[in-house]
PDB file of N, CA and C in Angstrom:
ATOM      1  N   MET A   1      -9.818  18.432  -6.976  1.00  0.00           N
ATOM      2  CA  MET A   1     -10.046  17.691  -6.174  1.00  0.00           C
ATOM      3  C   MET A   1      -9.056  16.959  -5.725  1.00  0.00           C
ATOM      4  N   SER A   2      -8.538  16.282  -4.351  1.00  0.00           N
ATOM      5  CA  SER A   2      -7.269  15.500  -4.112  1.00  0.00           C
ATOM      6  C   SER A   2      -7.685  14.406  -4.090  1.00  0.00           C
ATOM      7  N   SER A   3      -6.431  13.012  -3.669  1.00  0.00           N
ATOM      8  CA  SER A   3      -7.055  11.930  -4.107  1.00  0.00           C
ATOM      9  C   SER A   3      -7.709  11.922  -2.086  1.00  0.00           C
ATOM     10  N   LYS A   4      -8.697  10.594  -1.775  1.00  0.00           N
ATOM     11  CA  LYS A   4      -8.846  10.369  -0.510  1.00  0.00           C
ATOM     12  C   LYS A   4      -8.514   9.472  -0.199  1.00  0.00           C
ATOM     13  N   ILE A   5      -8.300   8.723  -0.592  1.00  0.00           N
ATOM     14  CA  ILE A   5      -6.972   7.484  -0.311  1.00  0.00           C
ATOM     15  C   ILE A   5      -5.680   7.834  -0.419  1.00  0.00           C
ATOM     16  N   LYS A   6      -4.769   7.854   0.530  1.00  0.00           N
ATOM     17  CA  LYS A   6      -3.181   7.772  -0.010  1.00  0.00           C
ATOM     18  C   LYS A   6      -2.176   6.789   0.966  1.00  0.00           C
ATOM     19  N   ILE A   7      -0.877   7.173   0.245  1.00  0.00           N
ATOM     20  CA  ILE A   7       0.140   5.525   0.769  1.00  0.00           C
ATOM     21  C   ILE A   7       0.411   6.663   1.717  1.00  0.00           C
ATOM     22  N   TYR A   8       1.659   5.549   2.792  1.00  0.00           N
ATOM     23  CA  TYR A   8       1.904   5.950   3.362  1.00  0.00           C
ATOM     24  C   TYR A   8       3.369   4.983   3.577  1.00  0.00           C
ATOM     25  N   LYS A   9       5.055   5.738   3.773  1.00  0.00           N
ATOM     26  CA  LYS A   9       5.586   4.593   4.195  1.00  0.00           C
ATOM     27  C   LYS A   9       6.454   5.131   5.516  1.00  0.00           C
ATOM     28  N   GLY A  10       7.484   4.767   5.562  1.00  0.00           N
ATOM     29  CA  GLY A  10       8.106   4.759   6.893  1.00  0.00           C
ATOM     30  C   GLY A  10       7.548   4.191   7.950  1.00  0.00           C
ATOM     31  N   THR A  11       7.920   4.916   8.891  1.00  0.00           N
ATOM     32  CA  THR A  11       7.627   4.701  10.431  1.00  0.00           C
ATOM     33  C   THR A  11       6.003   4.715  10.507  1.00  0.00           C
ATOM     34  N   VAL A  12       5.111   3.619  10.507  1.00  0.00           N
ATOM     35  CA  VAL A  12       3.668   3.450   9.970  1.00  0.00           C
ATOM     36  C   VAL A  12       3.273   2.501  11.307  1.00  0.00           C
ATOM     37  N   THR A  13       1.866   2.966  11.578  1.00  0.00           N
ATOM     38  CA  THR A  13       1.122   2.426  13.259  1.00  0.00           C
ATOM     39  C   THR A  13      -0.023   2.541  12.623  1.00  0.00           C
ATOM     40  N   ALA A  14      -1.052   1.060  12.328  1.00  0.00           N
ATOM     41  CA  ALA A  14      -2.604   0.849  11.968  1.00  0.00           C
ATOM     42  C   ALA A  14      -3.434   2.317  12.763  1.00  0.00           C
ATOM     43  N   GLY A  15      -3.978   2.937  12.554  1.00  0.00           N
ATOM     44  CA  GLY A  15      -5.034   3.221  12.851  1.00  0.00           C
ATOM     45  C   GLY A  15      -4.405   4.794  13.623  1.00  0.00           C
ATOM     46  N   GLN A  16      -3.274   4.829  12.570  1.00  0.00           N
ATOM     47  CA  GLN A  16      -2.511   6.412  13.528  1.00  0.00           C
ATOM     48  C   GLN A  16      -2.366   7.382  11.942  1.00  0.00           C
ATOM     49  N   THR A  17      -1.828   7.868  12.011  1.00  0.00           N
ATOM     50  CA  THR A  17      -1.500   8.858  10.974  1.00  0.00           C
ATOM     51  C   THR A  17       0.090   9.490  11.000  1.00  0.00           C
ATOM     52  N   ASP A  18       1.298   8.590  11.390  1.00  0.00           N
ATOM     53  CA  ASP A  18       2.353   8.731  11.275  1.00  0.00           C
ATOM     54  C   ASP A  18       2.901   8.275   9.823  1.00  0.00           C
ATOM     55  N   GLY A  19       3.697   8.401   9.596  1.00  0.00           N
ATOM     56  CA  GLY A  19       4.960   7.972   8.339  1.00  0.00           C
ATOM     57  C   GLY A  19       4.944   9.024   7.511  1.00  0.00           C
ATOM     58  N   THR A  20       5.356   9.147   5.911  1.00  0.00           N
ATOM     59  CA  THR A  20       5.244   9.940   4.661  1.00  0.00           C
ATOM     60  C   THR A  20       5.178   9.918   4.010  1.00  0.00           C
ATOM     61  N   LEU A  21       3.746  10.734   3.588  1.00  0.00           N
ATOM     62  CA  LEU A  21       3.317  10.532   2.334  1.00  0.00           C
ATOM     63  C   LEU A  21       3.557  10.183   1.482  1.00  0.00           C
ATOM     64  N   VAL A  22       3.499   9.285   0.455  1.00  0.00           N
ATOM     65  CA  VAL A  22       3.958   8.944  -1.098  1.00  0.00           C
ATOM     66  C   VAL A  22       3.872   8.992  -2.213  1.00  0.00           C
ATOM     67  N   SER A  23       1.812   9.198  -1.753  1.00  0.00           N
ATOM     68  CA  SER A  23       1.040   8.747  -3.470  1.00  0.00           C
ATOM     69  C   SER A  23       0.738  10.204  -3.938  1.00  0.00           C
ATOM     70  N   SER A  24       0.501  10.249  -4.938  1.00  0.00           N
ATOM     71  CA  SER A  24      -0.384  11.198  -5.332  1.00  0.00           C
ATOM     72  C   SER A  24      -1.445  11.016  -6.498  1.00  0.00           C
ATOM     73  N   GLY A  25      -2.265  11.943  -7.180  1.00  0.00           N
ATOM     74  CA  GLY A  25      -2.904  11.973  -7.907  1.00  0.00           C
ATOM     75  C   GLY A  25      -4.813  12.581  -7.613  1.00  0.00           C
ATOM     76  N   THR A  26      -5.711  12.667  -8.467  1.00  0.00           N
ATOM     77  CA  THR A  26      -6.421  13.648  -8.061  1.00  0.00           C
ATOM     78  C   THR A  26      -7.506  12.622  -8.121  1.00  0.00           C
ATOM     79  N   GLY A  27      -7.946  11.082  -7.425  1.00  0.00           N
ATOM     80  CA  GLY A  27      -9.149  10.016  -6.938  1.00  0.00           C
ATOM     81  C   GLY A  27      -9.658  10.552  -8.377  1.00  0.00           C
ATOM     82  N   LEU A  28      -9.246  10.733  -9.398  1.00  0.00           N
ATOM     83  CA  LEU A  28     -10.662  10.387 -10.785  1.00  0.00           C
ATOM     84  C   LEU A  28      -9.537   9.069 -11.001  1.00  0.00           C
ATOM     85  N   ASN A  29      -8.230   9.170 -10.991  1.00  0.00           N
ATOM     86  CA  ASN A  29      -7.110   7.415 -11.536  1.00  0.00           C
ATOM     87  C   ASN A  29      -7.157   6.907 -10.526  1.00  0.00           C
ATOM     88  N   PRO A  30      -6.135   5.723 -10.861  1.00  0.00           N
ATOM     89  CA  PRO A  30      -5.251   4.965  -9.541  1.00  0.00           C
ATOM     90  C   PRO A  30      -4.893   6.017  -9.384  1.00  0.00           C
ATOM     91  N   ILE A  31      -4.190   6.116  -7.731  1.00  0.00           N
ATOM     92  CA  ILE A  31      -3.268   6.663  -7.052  1.00  0.00           C
ATOM     93  C   ILE A  31      -2.016   5.815  -7.419  1.00  0.00           C
ATOM     94  N   GLU A  32      -0.499   7.250  -7.740  1.00  0.00           N
ATOM     95  CA  GLU A  32       0.536   6.731  -8.077  1.00  0.00           C
ATOM     96  C   GLU A  32       1.829   7.133  -6.741  1.00  0.00           C
ATOM     97  N   SER A  33       2.233   6.298  -7.066  1.00  0.00           N
ATOM     98  CA  SER A  33       3.951   6.732  -5.926  1.00  0.00           C
ATOM     99  C   SER A  33       5.001   7.028  -6.270  1.00  0.00           C
ATOM    100  N   GLY A  34       5.638   7.397  -6.150  1.00  0.00           N
ATOM    101  CA  GLY A  34       6.950   7.015  -6.810  1.00  0.00           C
ATOM    102  C   GLY A  34       7.929   6.040  -6.236  1.00  0.00           C
ATOM    103  N   ALA A  35       9.048   5.947  -7.219  1.00  0.00           N
ATOM    104  CA  ALA A  35       9.730   4.831  -6.477  1.00  0.00           C
ATOM    105  C   ALA A  35       9.680   4.768  -5.033  1.00  0.00           C
ATOM    106  N   ILE A  36       9.615   3.297  -4.636  1.00  0.00           N
ATOM    107  CA  ILE A  36       9.376   3.435  -3.102  1.00  0.00           C
ATOM    108  C   ILE A  36      11.056   1.875  -3.132  1.00  0.00           C
ATOM    109  N   LYS A  37      12.112   2.575  -2.407  1.00  0.00           N
ATOM    110  CA  LYS A  37      13.450   1.477  -2.660  1.00  0.00           C
ATOM    111  C   LYS A  37      13.886   0.959  -1.478  1.00  0.00           C
ATOM    112  N   VAL A  38      14.469  -0.118  -2.044  1.00  0.00           N
ATOM    113  CA  VAL A  38      15.110  -0.653  -0.847  1.00  0.00           C
ATOM    114  C   VAL A  38      15.608  -0.279  -0.887  1.00  0.00           C
ATOM    115  N   PRO A  39      16.810   0.360   0.859  1.00  0.00           N
ATOM    116  CA  PRO A  39      18.194   0.622   0.864  1.00  0.00           C
ATOM    117  C   PRO A  39      19.018  -0.364   0.509  1.00  0.00           C
ATOM    118  N   GLU A  40      20.159  -0.109   0.421  1.00  0.00           N
ATOM    119  CA  GLU A  40      21.135  -1.249   0.124  1.00  0.00           C
ATOM    120  C   GLU A  40      21.713  -1.540   0.673  1.00  0.00           C
ATOM    121  N   SER A  41      21.108  -0.995   2.195  1.00  0.00           N
ATOM    122  CA  SER A  41      21.631  -1.271   4.019  1.00  0.00           C
ATOM    123  C   SER A  41      20.316  -2.224   4.382  1.00  0.00           C
ATOM    124  N   GLY A  42      20.196  -2.337   5.500  1.00  0.00           N
ATOM    125  CA  GLY A  42      19.344  -2.299   6.253  1.00  0.00           C
ATOM    126  C   GLY A  42      18.521  -3.717   6.074  1.00  0.00           C
ATOM    127  N   TYR A  43      17.721  -3.677   4.899  1.00  0.00           N
ATOM    128  CA  TYR A  43      16.896  -5.059   4.077  1.00  0.00           C
ATOM    129  C   TYR A  43      17.764  -6.406   4.030  1.00  0.00           C
ATOM    130  N   ALA A  44      17.679  -7.377   4.704  1.00  0.00           N
ATOM    131  CA  ALA A  44      18.125  -8.545   3.904  1.00  0.00           C
ATOM    132  C   ALA A  44      16.955  -9.141   3.275  1.00  0.00           C
ATOM    133  N   GLU A  45      17.223 -10.154   2.334  1.00  0.00           N
ATOM    134  CA  GLU A  45      15.692 -10.909   1.447  1.00  0.00           C
ATOM    135  C   GLU A  45      15.123 -11.114   2.201  1.00  0.00           C
ATOM    136  N   GLY A  46      14.069 -10.566   2.260  1.00  0.00           N
ATOM    137  CA  GLY A  46      12.458 -11.842   2.544  1.00  0.00           C
ATOM    138  C   GLY A  46      12.311 -10.480   4.601  1.00  0.00           C
ATOM    139  N   ASN A  47      12.974  -9.731   4.054  1.00  0.00           N
ATOM    140  CA  ASN A  47      12.842  -8.572   4.664  1.00  0.00           C
ATOM    141  C   ASN A  47      11.301  -7.233   4.552  1.00  0.00           C
ATOM    142  N   TRP A  48      10.370  -7.185   5.218  1.00  0.00           N
ATOM    143  CA  TRP A  48       9.429  -6.104   4.268  1.00  0.00           C
ATOM    144  C   TRP A  48       9.741  -4.846   4.830  1.00  0.00           C
ATOM    145  N   ILE A  49       9.750  -3.545   3.856  1.00  0.00           N
ATOM    146  CA  ILE A  49       8.640  -2.336   3.863  1.00  0.00           C
ATOM    147  C   ILE A  49       7.578  -2.187   4.578  1.00  0.00           C
ATOM    148  N   LYS A  50       6.860  -1.497   5.799  1.00  0.00           N
ATOM    149  CA  LYS A  50       5.651  -1.118   5.637  1.00  0.00           C
ATOM    150  C   LYS A  50       5.057  -0.055   4.596  1.00  0.00           C
ATOM    151  N   LEU A  51       4.116  -0.428   4.245  1.00  0.00           N
ATOM    152  CA  LEU A  51       3.361   0.674   4.193  1.00  0.00           C
ATOM    153  C   LEU A  51       1.473   1.029   4.425  1.00  0.00           C
ATOM    154  N   ALA A  52       1.645   2.243   4.682  1.00  0.00           N
ATOM    155  CA  ALA A  52      -0.227   2.657   5.468  1.00  0.00           C
ATOM    156  C   ALA A  52      -0.837   2.742   4.063  1.00  0.00           C
ATOM    157  N   VAL A  53      -2.331   2.428   3.857  1.00  0.00           N
ATOM    158  CA  VAL A  53      -3.202   2.888   2.818  1.00  0.00           C
ATOM    159  C   VAL A  53      -4.143   3.504   4.081  1.00  0.00           C
ATOM    160  N   ARG A  54      -4.675   4.388   3.804  1.00  0.00           N
ATOM    161  CA  ARG A  54      -5.024   5.871   5.003  1.00  0.00           C
ATOM    162  C   ARG A  54      -6.209   6.536   3.603  1.00  0.00           C
ATOM    163  N   CYS A  55      -7.666   6.489   4.675  1.00  0.00           N
ATOM    164  CA  CYS A  55      -8.690   7.796   4.007  1.00  0.00           C
ATOM    165  C   CYS A  55      -7.818   8.800   4.110  1.00  0.00           C
ATOM    166  N   ASP A  56      -8.991   9.895   3.736  1.00  0.00           N
ATOM    167  CA  ASP A  56      -8.239  10.897   4.091  1.00  0.00           C
ATOM    168  C   ASP A  56      -9.703  11.070   5.280  1.00  0.00           C
ATOM    169  N   PRO A  57      -9.542  11.793   6.632  1.00  0.00           N
ATOM    170  CA  PRO A  57     -10.723  12.292   7.523  1.00  0.00           C
ATOM    171  C   PRO A  57     -12.206  12.547   6.428  1.00  0.00           C
ATOM    172  N   GLY A  58     -12.790  11.802   7.096  1.00  0.00           N
ATOM    173  CA  GLY A  58     -14.302  12.033   7.127  1.00  0.00           C
ATOM    174  C   GLY A  58     -14.578  10.808   5.806  1.00  0.00           C
ATOM    175  N   TYR A  59     -13.903  10.043   5.316  1.00  0.00           N
ATOM    176  CA  TYR A  59     -14.057   9.433   3.878  1.00  0.00           C
ATOM    177  C   TYR A  59     -13.683   7.825   4.360  1.00  0.00           C
ATOM    178  N   GLU A  60     -14.246   7.035   3.869  1.00  0.00           N
ATOM    179  CA  GLU A  60     -14.075   5.355   4.253  1.00  0.00           C
ATOM    180  C   GLU A  60     -14.727   4.746   2.123  1.00  0.00           C
ATOM    181  N   THR A  61     -13.952   3.987   2.483  1.00  0.00           N
ATOM    182  CA  THR A  61     -14.343   3.040   0.956  1.00  0.00           C
ATOM    183  C   THR A  61     -15.003   2.243   1.482  1.00  0.00           C
ATOM    184  N   VAL A  62     -15.703   1.941   0.203  1.00  0.00           N
ATOM    185  CA  VAL A  62     -17.139   1.038  -0.656  1.00  0.00           C
ATOM    186  C   VAL A  62     -17.053  -0.576  -0.639  1.00  0.00           C
ATOM    187  N   LEU A  63     -17.895  -1.312  -0.615  1.00  0.00           N
ATOM    188  CA  LEU A  63     -17.506  -2.568  -1.366  1.00  0.00           C
ATOM    189  C   LEU A  63     -17.856  -2.613  -2.649  1.00  0.00           C
ATOM    190  N   ASP A  64     -16.829  -2.379  -3.735  1.00  0.00           N
ATOM    191  CA  ASP A  64     -16.770  -2.654  -5.031  1.00  0.00           C
ATOM    192  C   ASP A  64     -16.147  -4.000  -5.891  1.00  0.00           C
ATOM    193  N   SER A  65     -17.269  -4.393  -6.580  1.00  0.00           N
ATOM    194  CA  SER A  65     -15.912  -6.063  -6.814  1.00  0.00           C
ATOM    195  C   SER A  65     -15.852  -6.036  -6.148  1.00  0.00           C
ATOM    196  N   GLY A  66     -16.300  -6.663  -5.087  1.00  0.00           N
ATOM    197  CA  GLY A  66     -16.294  -7.630  -3.992  1.00  0.00           C
ATOM    198  C   GLY A  66     -14.695  -7.533  -3.526  1.00  0.00           C
ATOM    199  N   ARG A  67     -14.682  -5.624  -3.373  1.00  0.00           N
ATOM    200  CA  ARG A  67     -13.143  -5.677  -2.133  1.00  0.00           C
ATOM    201  C   ARG A  67     -13.275  -4.075  -2.087  1.00  0.00           C
ATOM    202  N   HIS A  68     -12.755  -3.516  -1.163  1.00  0.00           N
ATOM    203  CA  HIS A  68     -13.132  -1.696  -0.947  1.00  0.00           C
ATOM    204  C   HIS A  68     -11.604  -0.998  -1.369  1.00  0.00           C
ATOM    205  N   ALA A  69     -10.528  -2.051  -1.591  1.00  0.00           N
ATOM    206  CA  ALA A  69      -9.621  -0.972  -2.156  1.00  0.00           C
ATOM    207  C   ALA A  69      -8.591  -2.530  -3.155  1.00  0.00           C
ATOM    208  N   ARG A  70      -7.692  -1.939  -3.939  1.00  0.00           N
ATOM    209  CA  ARG A  70      -6.510  -2.852  -4.814  1.00  0.00           C
ATOM    210  C   ARG A  70      -5.748  -2.073  -4.602  1.00  0.00           C
ATOM    211  N   VAL A  71      -3.960  -2.735  -4.051  1.00  0.00           N
ATOM    212  CA  VAL A  71      -2.878  -2.001  -4.108  1.00  0.00           C
ATOM    213  C   VAL A  71      -2.541  -3.440  -5.014  1.00  0.00           C
ATOM    214  N   SER A  72      -1.554  -2.182  -5.615  1.00  0.00           N
ATOM    215  CA  SER A  72      -1.027  -3.310  -6.928  1.00  0.00           C
ATOM    216  C   SER A  72       0.638  -2.415  -7.138  1.00  0.00           C
ATOM    217  N   ILE A  73       1.473  -3.218  -7.377  1.00  0.00           N
ATOM    218  CA  ILE A  73       2.995  -1.796  -8.023  1.00  0.00           C
ATOM    219  C   ILE A  73       3.275  -2.360  -9.543  1.00  0.00           C
ATOM    220  N   VAL A  74       3.236  -1.307 -10.033  1.00  0.00           N
ATOM    221  CA  VAL A  74       3.954  -1.585 -11.855  1.00  0.00           C
ATOM    222  C   VAL A  74       5.360  -1.252 -11.527  1.00  0.00           C
ATOM    223  N   ASP A  75       6.024  -2.694 -11.894  1.00  0.00           N
ATOM    224  CA  ASP A  75       7.507  -2.684 -12.351  1.00  0.00           C
ATOM    225  C   ASP A  75       7.896  -2.535 -13.543  1.00  0.00           C
ATOM    226  N   SER A  76       8.566  -1.751 -13.477  1.00  0.00           N
ATOM    227  CA  SER A  76       8.632  -1.214 -15.004  1.00  0.00           C
ATOM    228  C   SER A  76       9.986  -1.468 -16.022  1.00  0.00           C
ATOM    229  N   SER A  77      10.381  -2.833 -15.373  1.00  0.00           N
ATOM    230  CA  SER A  77      11.282  -4.115 -15.543  1.00  0.00           C
ATOM    231  C   SER A  77      10.884  -5.176 -16.314  1.00  0.00           C
ATOM    232  N   GLY A  78       9.359  -5.282 -16.045  1.00  0.00           N
ATOM    233  CA  GLY A  78       8.911  -6.094 -16.511  1.00  0.00           C
ATOM    234  C   GLY A  78       8.822  -8.198 -15.422  1.00  0.00           C
ATOM    235  N   VAL A  79       9.675  -7.452 -14.105  1.00  0.00           N
ATOM    236  CA  VAL A  79      10.018  -8.658 -13.500  1.00  0.00           C
ATOM    237  C   VAL A  79       9.355  -8.625 -12.237  1.00  0.00           C
ATOM    238  N   ASN A  80       8.764  -9.225 -12.264  1.00  0.00           N
ATOM    239  CA  ASN A  80       7.918  -9.357 -10.530  1.00  0.00           C
ATOM    240  C   ASN A  80       8.629  -9.678  -9.363  1.00  0.00           C
ATOM    241  N   LYS A  81       8.995  -9.220  -8.586  1.00  0.00           N
ATOM    242  CA  LYS A  81      10.691  -9.226  -7.280  1.00  0.00           C
ATOM    243  C   LYS A  81       9.705  -8.882  -6.378  1.00  0.00           C
ATOM    244  N   TRP A  82       8.909  -8.481  -6.020  1.00  0.00           N
ATOM    245  CA  TRP A  82       7.962  -7.896  -4.899  1.00  0.00           C
ATOM    246  C   TRP A  82       6.355  -8.299  -4.323  1.00  0.00           C
ATOM    247  N   GLN A  83       6.237  -8.810  -3.355  1.00  0.00           N
ATOM    248  CA  GLN A  83       4.993  -9.457  -3.088  1.00  0.00           C
ATOM    249  C   GLN A  83       3.871  -8.477  -1.735  1.00  0.00           C
ATOM    250  N   LEU A  84       2.836  -8.300  -2.448  1.00  0.00           N
ATOM    251  CA  LEU A  84       2.577  -7.868  -0.882  1.00  0.00           C
ATOM    252  C   LEU A  84       1.519  -8.220   0.013  1.00  0.00           C
ATOM    253  N   ALA A  85       1.599  -7.724   1.352  1.00  0.00           N
ATOM    254  CA  ALA A  85       0.949  -8.413   2.317  1.00  0.00           C
ATOM    255  C   ALA A  85       0.737  -7.662   3.680  1.00  0.00           C
ATOM    256  N   PRO A  86      -1.224  -8.352   4.242  1.00  0.00           N
ATOM    257  CA  PRO A  86      -1.904  -6.659   4.794  1.00  0.00           C
ATOM    258  C   PRO A  86      -1.277  -7.047   6.603  1.00  0.00           C
ATOM    259  N   ASP A  87      -1.641  -6.249   7.236  1.00  0.00           N
ATOM    260  CA  ASP A  87      -0.985  -5.545   8.574  1.00  0.00           C
ATOM    261  C   ASP A  87      -1.485  -7.021   8.810  1.00  0.00           C
ATOM    262  N   SER A  88      -0.761  -8.084  10.067  1.00  0.00           N
ATOM    263  CA  SER A  88      -1.703  -8.378  11.019  1.00  0.00           C
ATOM    264  C   SER A  88      -0.571  -8.133  11.726  1.00  0.00           C
ATOM    265  N   SER A  89      -1.248  -7.589  12.754  1.00  0.00           N
ATOM    266  CA  SER A  89      -1.459  -6.790  14.123  1.00  0.00           C
ATOM    267  C   SER A  89       0.673  -6.378  14.069  1.00  0.00           C
ATOM    268  N   GLY A  90       0.555  -5.750  13.054  1.00  0.00           N
ATOM    269  CA  GLY A  90       1.694  -5.394  13.347  1.00  0.00           C
ATOM    270  C   GLY A  90       3.173  -6.120  12.687  1.00  0.00           C
ATOM    271  N   SER A  91       2.466  -7.045  12.028  1.00  0.00           N
ATOM    272  CA  SER A  91       3.698  -7.485  10.875  1.00  0.00           C
ATOM    273  C   SER A  91       2.230  -8.753   9.750  1.00  0.00           C
ATOM    274  N   PRO A  92       3.258  -8.484   9.103  1.00  0.00           N
ATOM    275  CA  PRO A  92       3.183  -8.709   7.523  1.00  0.00           C
ATOM    276  C   PRO A  92       2.249 -10.157   7.935  1.00  0.00           C
ATOM    277  N   GLY A  93       0.948 -10.181   7.146  1.00  0.00           N
ATOM    278  CA  GLY A  93       0.307 -11.706   7.351  1.00  0.00           C
ATOM    279  C   GLY A  93       0.649 -12.371   6.589  1.00  0.00           C
ATOM    280  N   THR A  94      -0.454 -13.278   5.844  1.00  0.00           N
ATOM    281  CA  THR A  94      -0.143 -14.193   4.227  1.00  0.00           C
ATOM    282  C   THR A  94      -0.341 -13.496   3.067  1.00  0.00           C
ATOM    283  N   PRO A  95       1.492 -13.108   2.087  1.00  0.00           N
ATOM    284  CA  PRO A  95       1.180 -12.361   1.028  1.00  0.00           C
ATOM    285  C   PRO A  95       0.378 -13.072   0.297  1.00  0.00           C
ATOM    286  N   VAL A  96       0.307 -12.258  -0.835  1.00  0.00           N
ATOM    287  CA  VAL A  96      -0.686 -12.705  -1.556  1.00  0.00           C
ATOM    288  C   VAL A  96       1.191 -13.481  -3.234  1.00  0.00           C
ATOM    289  N   ALA A  97       0.338 -13.842  -3.656  1.00  0.00           N
ATOM    290  CA  ALA A  97       1.612 -14.318  -4.991  1.00  0.00           C
ATOM    291  C   ALA A  97       2.479 -13.162  -5.348  1.00  0.00           C
ATOM    292  N   TRP A  98       3.565 -13.564  -6.028  1.00  0.00           N
ATOM    293  CA  TRP A  98       4.674 -12.874  -6.875  1.00  0.00           C
ATOM    294  C   TRP A  98       3.609 -12.349  -7.332  1.00  0.00           C
ATOM    295  N   GLY A  99       4.055 -10.705  -7.503  1.00  0.00           N
ATOM    296  CA  GLY A  99       3.919  -9.754  -8.358  1.00  0.00           C
ATOM    297  C   GLY A  99       2.104  -9.656  -8.330  1.00  0.00           C
ATOM    298  N   LEU A 100       0.963  -9.737  -7.651  1.00  0.00           N
ATOM    299  CA  LEU A 100      -0.305  -9.637  -7.713  1.00  0.00           C
ATOM    300  C   LEU A 100      -1.215  -8.842  -6.635  1.00  0.00           C
ATOM    301  N   PRO A 101      -1.602  -7.655  -7.055  1.00  0.00           N
ATOM    302  CA  PRO A 101      -2.323  -7.262  -6.177  1.00  0.00           C
ATOM    303  C   PRO A 101      -2.702  -7.763  -5.033  1.00  0.00           C
ATOM    304  N   LEU A 102      -2.973  -7.269  -4.142  1.00  0.00           N
ATOM    305  CA  LEU A 102      -3.583  -6.809  -2.472  1.00  0.00           C
ATOM    306  C   LEU A 102      -4.671  -6.724  -2.780  1.00  0.00           C
ATOM    307  N   ASP A 103      -5.843  -7.343  -2.909  1.00  0.00           N
ATOM    308  CA  ASP A 103      -7.228  -6.644  -1.716  1.00  0.00           C
ATOM    309  C   ASP A 103      -7.496  -6.708  -0.488  1.00  0.00           C
ATOM    310  N   PHE A 104      -8.637  -5.248  -0.148  1.00  0.00           N
ATOM    311  CA  PHE A 104      -8.998  -5.115   0.870  1.00  0.00           C
ATOM    312  C   PHE A 104      -9.787  -5.331   0.673  1.00  0.00           C
ATOM    313  N   SER A 105     -10.202  -6.503   1.883  1.00  0.00           N
ATOM    314  CA  SER A 105     -11.869  -7.172   2.000  1.00  0.00           C
ATOM    315  C   SER A 105     -12.678  -6.033   2.949  1.00  0.00           C
ATOM    316  N   SER A 106     -11.856  -5.302   3.722  1.00  0.00           N
ATOM    317  CA  SER A 106     -12.196  -4.968   5.238  1.00  0.00           C
ATOM    318  C   SER A 106     -12.768  -3.162   4.441  1.00  0.00           C
ATOM    319  N   GLU A 107     -13.354  -2.326   4.951  1.00  0.00           N
ATOM    320  CA  GLU A 107     -13.345  -0.676   5.126  1.00  0.00           C
ATOM    321  C   GLU A 107     -11.714  -0.218   5.200  1.00  0.00           C
ATOM    322  N   ILE A 108     -11.860   0.552   4.621  1.00  0.00           N
ATOM    323  CA  ILE A 108     -10.475   1.460   4.911  1.00  0.00           C
ATOM    324  C   ILE A 108     -10.733   2.904   5.253  1.00  0.00           C
TER     325      ILE A 108
END
């Protein structure tokens, strides 16, 4: 069994299939991604790294516990130095608080 929800990075466009797949898993447990590193150059403090959360063709998320999906980052250092924000017309929307997960209230 493969994951039905996947995470992509790089050049990603809402509603498209572009980007580089960075997640793995069986769908029985939370999906996992390797490190999503901020390059040493090219990102000044405050710039965002864009990720896409997509379902495999023929699948969609369903509402469960008040959300369709939740994305969180596990920071092995124990310091929450990241924020997540939804896409708002191609730009980051209002971010959640530092270190908290991002819940998707609409279908993916």
